[in-house]
């Protein structure tokens, strides 16, 4: 049902934007500077529909809509801009790459024997994944996994007995677990 709702919302947005298609080519900043508030709001609405992560465009949409007396548009744009700035990981697709991993897993070796269990949880508003491993004999370990925004790589940081393990696990040397 959620995919269908997203589809209808996207379709509705496209239909609503059709009358403003001619404005899309115009420079939103120039319209803003000229005080053409309604046209600027329309241009920023198109920009935010194209790039929903552009917090500055959301802010400019809020200001333009407010000046054009489109108060509900202004409020919604301001809330969107604040959300992007306050909770960036919730709005950045790179932090969702490993969402498939979230959950409780029983892990078995290739022969089928039980190796242990793994519990993966999202934390810090989607900025990290916490892994808690318990092997078949009761041994435990944890890792904190996050996206390094400088390199763009996922960085798992394994921890055992309260200390970070000396060798960081990377995608190249991380053991594969069959689920």
C-alpha atoms as a PDB file:
ATOM      1  CA  UNK A   1       0.000   0.000   0.000  1.00  0.00           C
ATOM      2  CA  UNK A   2       2.846   2.417   0.797  1.00  0.00           C
ATOM      3  CA  UNK A   3       4.351   2.113  -2.693  1.00  0.00           C
ATOM      4  CA  UNK A   4       0.962   2.867  -4.198  1.00  0.00           C
ATOM      5  CA  UNK A   5       0.528   5.922  -1.958  1.00  0.00           C
ATOM      6  CA  UNK A   6       3.981   7.192  -2.961  1.00  0.00           C
ATOM      7  CA  UNK A   7       3.105   6.666  -6.616  1.00  0.00           C
ATOM      8  CA  UNK A   8      -0.121   8.672  -6.298  1.00  0.00           C
ATOM      9  CA  UNK A   9       1.631  11.441  -4.373  1.00  0.00           C
ATOM     10  CA  UNK A  10       4.320  11.644  -7.065  1.00  0.00           C
ATOM     11  CA  UNK A  11       1.704  11.640  -9.796  1.00  0.00           C
ATOM     12  CA  UNK A  12      -0.280  14.359  -8.013  1.00  0.00           C
ATOM     13  CA  UNK A  13       2.861  16.455  -7.637  1.00  0.00           C
ATOM     14  CA  UNK A  14       3.657  16.111 -11.346  1.00  0.00           C
ATOM     15  CA  UNK A  15       0.113  17.142 -12.296  1.00  0.00           C
ATOM     16  CA  UNK A  16       0.281  20.126  -9.955  1.00  0.00           C
ATOM     17  CA  UNK A  17       3.630  21.198 -11.425  1.00  0.00           C
ATOM     18  CA  UNK A  18       2.512  21.118 -15.088  1.00  0.00           C
ATOM     19  CA  UNK A  19       1.173  24.716 -15.109  1.00  0.00           C
ATOM     20  CA  UNK A  20       4.533  25.894 -13.766  1.00  0.00           C
ATOM     21  CA  UNK A  21       6.718  24.052 -16.287  1.00  0.00           C
ATOM     22  CA  UNK A  22       7.539  27.291 -18.134  1.00  0.00           C
ATOM     23  CA  UNK A  23       8.900  28.762 -14.906  1.00  0.00           C
ATOM     24  CA  UNK A  24      11.209  25.777 -14.366  1.00  0.00           C
ATOM     25  CA  UNK A  25      13.684  27.151 -16.874  1.00  0.00           C
ATOM     26  CA  UNK A  26      13.769  30.555 -15.235  1.00  0.00           C
ATOM     27  CA  UNK A  27      16.304  31.391 -12.576  1.00  0.00           C
ATOM     28  CA  UNK A  28      14.635  31.091  -9.171  1.00  0.00           C
ATOM     29  CA  UNK A  29      17.233  33.346  -7.573  1.00  0.00           C
ATOM     30  CA  UNK A  30      16.634  36.103 -10.150  1.00  0.00           C
ATOM     31  CA  UNK A  31      12.879  35.928  -9.541  1.00  0.00           C
ATOM     32  CA  UNK A  32      13.532  36.041  -5.796  1.00  0.00           C
ATOM     33  CA  UNK A  33      15.857  39.054  -6.127  1.00  0.00           C
ATOM     34  CA  UNK A  34      13.298  40.826  -8.332  1.00  0.00           C
ATOM     35  CA  UNK A  35      10.630  40.331  -5.691  1.00  0.00           C
ATOM     36  CA  UNK A  36       8.435  38.264  -8.002  1.00  0.00           C
ATOM     37  CA  UNK A  37       7.363  36.155  -5.059  1.00  0.00           C
ATOM     38  CA  UNK A  38       4.697  33.936  -6.641  1.00  0.00           C
ATOM     39  CA  UNK A  39       6.929  33.060  -9.614  1.00  0.00           C
ATOM     40  CA  UNK A  40       9.920  32.553  -7.325  1.00  0.00           C
ATOM     41  CA  UNK A  41       7.849  30.235  -5.107  1.00  0.00           C
ATOM     42  CA  UNK A  42       6.781  28.239  -8.166  1.00  0.00           C
ATOM     43  CA  UNK A  43      10.371  27.998  -9.397  1.00  0.00           C
ATOM     44  CA  UNK A  44      11.616  26.891  -5.968  1.00  0.00           C
ATOM     45  CA  UNK A  45       8.752  24.370  -5.738  1.00  0.00           C
ATOM     46  CA  UNK A  46       9.991  22.804  -8.951  1.00  0.00           C
ATOM     47  CA  UNK A  47      13.583  22.867  -7.697  1.00  0.00           C
ATOM     48  CA  UNK A  48      12.663  21.155  -4.413  1.00  0.00           C
ATOM     49  CA  UNK A  49      10.590  18.559  -6.287  1.00  0.00           C
ATOM     50  CA  UNK A  50      13.657  17.843  -8.420  1.00  0.00           C
ATOM     51  CA  UNK A  51      16.125  17.898  -5.503  1.00  0.00           C
ATOM     52  CA  UNK A  52      14.310  17.352  -2.190  1.00  0.00           C
ATOM     53  CA  UNK A  53      17.637  17.389  -0.271  1.00  0.00           C
ATOM     54  CA  UNK A  54      18.352  21.042  -1.179  1.00  0.00           C
ATOM     55  CA  UNK A  55      17.713  22.692   2.197  1.00  0.00           C
ATOM     56  CA  UNK A  56      18.554  26.173   0.857  1.00  0.00           C
ATOM     57  CA  UNK A  57      15.913  25.833  -1.882  1.00  0.00           C
ATOM     58  CA  UNK A  58      13.338  24.787   0.728  1.00  0.00           C
ATOM     59  CA  UNK A  59      14.176  27.905   2.742  1.00  0.00           C
ATOM     60  CA  UNK A  60      13.902  30.155  -0.319  1.00  0.00           C
ATOM     61  CA  UNK A  61      10.580  28.479  -1.155  1.00  0.00           C
ATOM     62  CA  UNK A  62       9.358  29.233   2.366  1.00  0.00           C
ATOM     63  CA  UNK A  63      10.348  32.911   2.115  1.00  0.00           C
ATOM     64  CA  UNK A  64       8.913  33.297  -1.396  1.00  0.00           C
ATOM     65  CA  UNK A  65       5.651  31.570  -0.500  1.00  0.00           C
ATOM     66  CA  UNK A  66       5.324  33.671   2.651  1.00  0.00           C
ATOM     67  CA  UNK A  67       5.778  36.886   0.639  1.00  0.00           C
ATOM     68  CA  UNK A  68       3.230  35.608  -1.910  1.00  0.00           C
ATOM     69  CA  UNK A  69       0.828  34.970   1.000  1.00  0.00           C
ATOM     70  CA  UNK A  70       0.838  31.213   0.423  1.00  0.00           C
ATOM     71  CA  UNK A  71       1.125  30.536   4.127  1.00  0.00           C
ATOM     72  CA  UNK A  72       0.582  26.770   4.198  1.00  0.00           C
ATOM     73  CA  UNK A  73       3.185  26.277   1.437  1.00  0.00           C
ATOM     74  CA  UNK A  74       5.597  28.502   3.373  1.00  0.00           C
ATOM     75  CA  UNK A  75       5.105  26.566   6.602  1.00  0.00           C
ATOM     76  CA  UNK A  76       5.493  23.147   4.931  1.00  0.00           C
ATOM     77  CA  UNK A  77       8.647  24.292   3.121  1.00  0.00           C
ATOM     78  CA  UNK A  78      10.142  25.633   6.343  1.00  0.00           C
ATOM     79  CA  UNK A  79       9.400  22.387   8.181  1.00  0.00           C
ATOM     80  CA  UNK A  80      11.014  20.387   5.332  1.00  0.00           C
ATOM     81  CA  UNK A  81      14.110  22.611   5.395  1.00  0.00           C
ATOM     82  CA  UNK A  82      14.440  22.317   9.164  1.00  0.00           C
ATOM     83  CA  UNK A  83      14.039  18.544   9.011  1.00  0.00           C
ATOM     84  CA  UNK A  84      16.800  18.191   6.415  1.00  0.00           C
ATOM     85  CA  UNK A  85      19.165  20.317   8.486  1.00  0.00           C
ATOM     86  CA  UNK A  86      18.258  18.779  11.857  1.00  0.00           C
ATOM     87  CA  UNK A  87      18.208  15.127  10.766  1.00  0.00           C
ATOM     88  CA  UNK A  88      20.455  14.839   7.708  1.00  0.00           C
ATOM     89  CA  UNK A  89      20.859  11.055   7.914  1.00  0.00           C
ATOM     90  CA  UNK A  90      17.111  10.542   7.544  1.00  0.00           C
ATOM     91  CA  UNK A  91      17.222  12.404   4.231  1.00  0.00           C
ATOM     92  CA  UNK A  92      20.443  11.021   2.766  1.00  0.00           C
ATOM     93  CA  UNK A  93      20.013   7.792   0.792  1.00  0.00           C
ATOM     94  CA  UNK A  94      23.586   6.682   1.513  1.00  0.00           C
ATOM     95  CA  UNK A  95      22.563   6.077   5.144  1.00  0.00           C
ATOM     96  CA  UNK A  96      19.815   3.682   4.012  1.00  0.00           C
ATOM     97  CA  UNK A  97      22.067   1.393   1.944  1.00  0.00           C
ATOM     98  CA  UNK A  98      22.166  -1.276   4.640  1.00  0.00           C
ATOM     99  CA  UNK A  99      18.564  -1.038   5.850  1.00  0.00           C
ATOM    100  CA  UNK A 100      18.035  -4.552   4.453  1.00  0.00           C
ATOM    101  CA  UNK A 101      20.309  -5.723   7.286  1.00  0.00           C
ATOM    102  CA  UNK A 102      18.106  -4.301  10.082  1.00  0.00           C
ATOM    103  CA  UNK A 103      16.377  -7.004  12.110  1.00  0.00           C
ATOM    104  CA  UNK A 104      17.053 -10.159  14.089  1.00  0.00           C
ATOM    105  CA  UNK A 105      18.984 -12.902  12.317  1.00  0.00           C
ATOM    106  CA  UNK A 106      19.822 -16.507  13.084  1.00  0.00           C
ATOM    107  CA  UNK A 107      23.137 -17.217  11.384  1.00  0.00           C
ATOM    108  CA  UNK A 108      24.073 -20.667  10.090  1.00  0.00           C
ATOM    109  CA  UNK A 109      27.335 -21.866   8.552  1.00  0.00           C
ATOM    110  CA  UNK A 110      27.377 -23.371   5.062  1.00  0.00           C
ATOM    111  CA  UNK A 111      26.677 -26.868   6.442  1.00  0.00           C
ATOM    112  CA  UNK A 112      23.561 -25.640   8.234  1.00  0.00           C
ATOM    113  CA  UNK A 113      24.857 -25.627  11.827  1.00  0.00           C
ATOM    114  CA  UNK A 114      23.787 -22.717  14.022  1.00  0.00           C
ATOM    115  CA  UNK A 115      26.632 -20.186  14.314  1.00  0.00           C
ATOM    116  CA  UNK A 116      24.891 -17.532  16.367  1.00  0.00           C
ATOM    117  CA  UNK A 117      22.427 -14.693  16.267  1.00  0.00           C
ATOM    118  CA  UNK A 118      22.727 -11.118  15.162  1.00  0.00           C
ATOM    119  CA  UNK A 119      20.536  -8.137  16.061  1.00  0.00           C
ATOM    120  CA  UNK A 120      20.871  -5.059  13.858  1.00  0.00           C
ATOM    121  CA  UNK A 121      19.201  -1.769  14.826  1.00  0.00           C
ATOM    122  CA  UNK A 122      19.101   1.738  13.379  1.00  0.00           C
ATOM    123  CA  UNK A 123      20.150   4.405  15.898  1.00  0.00           C
ATOM    124  CA  UNK A 124      20.866   8.121  16.102  1.00  0.00           C
ATOM    125  CA  UNK A 125      18.018   9.015  13.711  1.00  0.00           C
ATOM    126  CA  UNK A 126      19.361   6.728  11.017  1.00  0.00           C
ATOM    127  CA  UNK A 127      23.013   7.833  11.204  1.00  0.00           C
ATOM    128  CA  UNK A 128      24.342   4.508  12.515  1.00  0.00           C
ATOM    129  CA  UNK A 129      23.549   0.816  12.597  1.00  0.00           C
ATOM    130  CA  UNK A 130      24.261  -1.060  15.814  1.00  0.00           C
ATOM    131  CA  UNK A 131      25.150  -4.731  15.483  1.00  0.00           C
ATOM    132  CA  UNK A 132      25.031  -7.110  18.454  1.00  0.00           C
ATOM    133  CA  UNK A 133      26.383 -10.597  17.784  1.00  0.00           C
ATOM    134  CA  UNK A 134      26.098 -13.659  20.022  1.00  0.00           C
ATOM    135  CA  UNK A 135      27.795 -16.841  18.841  1.00  0.00           C
ATOM    136  CA  UNK A 136      26.507 -20.356  19.511  1.00  0.00           C
ATOM    137  CA  UNK A 137      28.729 -20.685  22.614  1.00  0.00           C
ATOM    138  CA  UNK A 138      27.566 -17.374  24.147  1.00  0.00           C
ATOM    139  CA  UNK A 139      30.464 -15.176  23.069  1.00  0.00           C
ATOM    140  CA  UNK A 140      29.448 -11.657  22.087  1.00  0.00           C
ATOM    141  CA  UNK A 141      30.611  -8.740  20.034  1.00  0.00           C
ATOM    142  CA  UNK A 142      29.224  -5.501  18.706  1.00  0.00           C
ATOM    143  CA  UNK A 143      29.860  -3.046  15.936  1.00  0.00           C
ATOM    144  CA  UNK A 144      28.867   0.484  15.138  1.00  0.00           C
ATOM    145  CA  UNK A 145      28.400   1.031  11.412  1.00  0.00           C
ATOM    146  CA  UNK A 146      28.168   4.451   9.788  1.00  0.00           C
ATOM    147  CA  UNK A 147      28.761   6.193   6.478  1.00  0.00           C
ATOM    148  CA  UNK A 148      31.962   8.241   6.353  1.00  0.00           C
ATOM    149  CA  UNK A 149      30.762  11.403   4.610  1.00  0.00           C
ATOM    150  CA  UNK A 150      34.307  12.267   3.483  1.00  0.00           C
ATOM    151  CA  UNK A 151      35.014   8.989   1.689  1.00  0.00           C
ATOM    152  CA  UNK A 152      31.404   7.918   1.108  1.00  0.00           C
ATOM    153  CA  UNK A 153      32.243   4.448   2.437  1.00  0.00           C
ATOM    154  CA  UNK A 154      30.435   2.410   5.046  1.00  0.00           C
ATOM    155  CA  UNK A 155      32.652   2.155   8.142  1.00  0.00           C
ATOM    156  CA  UNK A 156      32.049  -0.705  10.561  1.00  0.00           C
ATOM    157  CA  UNK A 157      33.790  -0.279  13.927  1.00  0.00           C
ATOM    158  CA  UNK A 158      33.888  -3.584  15.823  1.00  0.00           C
ATOM    159  CA  UNK A 159      33.944  -3.480  19.633  1.00  0.00           C
ATOM    160  CA  UNK A 160      34.596  -6.345  22.055  1.00  0.00           C
ATOM    161  CA  UNK A 161      34.739  -6.137  25.845  1.00  0.00           C
ATOM    162  CA  UNK A 162      34.376  -2.369  25.737  1.00  0.00           C
ATOM    163  CA  UNK A 163      37.378  -1.840  23.444  1.00  0.00           C
ATOM    164  CA  UNK A 164      37.555  -1.096  19.760  1.00  0.00           C
ATOM    165  CA  UNK A 165      39.240  -3.950  17.950  1.00  0.00           C
ATOM    166  CA  UNK A 166      42.659  -3.009  16.638  1.00  0.00           C
ATOM    167  CA  UNK A 167      41.925  -3.952  13.046  1.00  0.00           C
ATOM    168  CA  UNK A 168      38.968  -2.176  11.518  1.00  0.00           C
ATOM    169  CA  UNK A 169      36.844  -4.398   9.341  1.00  0.00           C
ATOM    170  CA  UNK A 170      36.332  -3.157   5.810  1.00  0.00           C
ATOM    171  CA  UNK A 171      34.295  -4.543   2.968  1.00  0.00           C
ATOM    172  CA  UNK A 172      37.447  -6.206   1.649  1.00  0.00           C
ATOM    173  CA  UNK A 173      38.248  -8.232   4.786  1.00  0.00           C
ATOM    174  CA  UNK A 174      34.836  -8.546   6.438  1.00  0.00           C
ATOM    175  CA  UNK A 175      33.776 -12.175   6.825  1.00  0.00           C
ATOM    176  CA  UNK A 176      30.668 -13.203   4.938  1.00  0.00           C
ATOM    177  CA  UNK A 177      27.867 -14.649   7.026  1.00  0.00           C
ATOM    178  CA  UNK A 178      25.225 -16.840   5.457  1.00  0.00           C
ATOM    179  CA  UNK A 179      21.730 -16.164   6.671  1.00  0.00           C
END
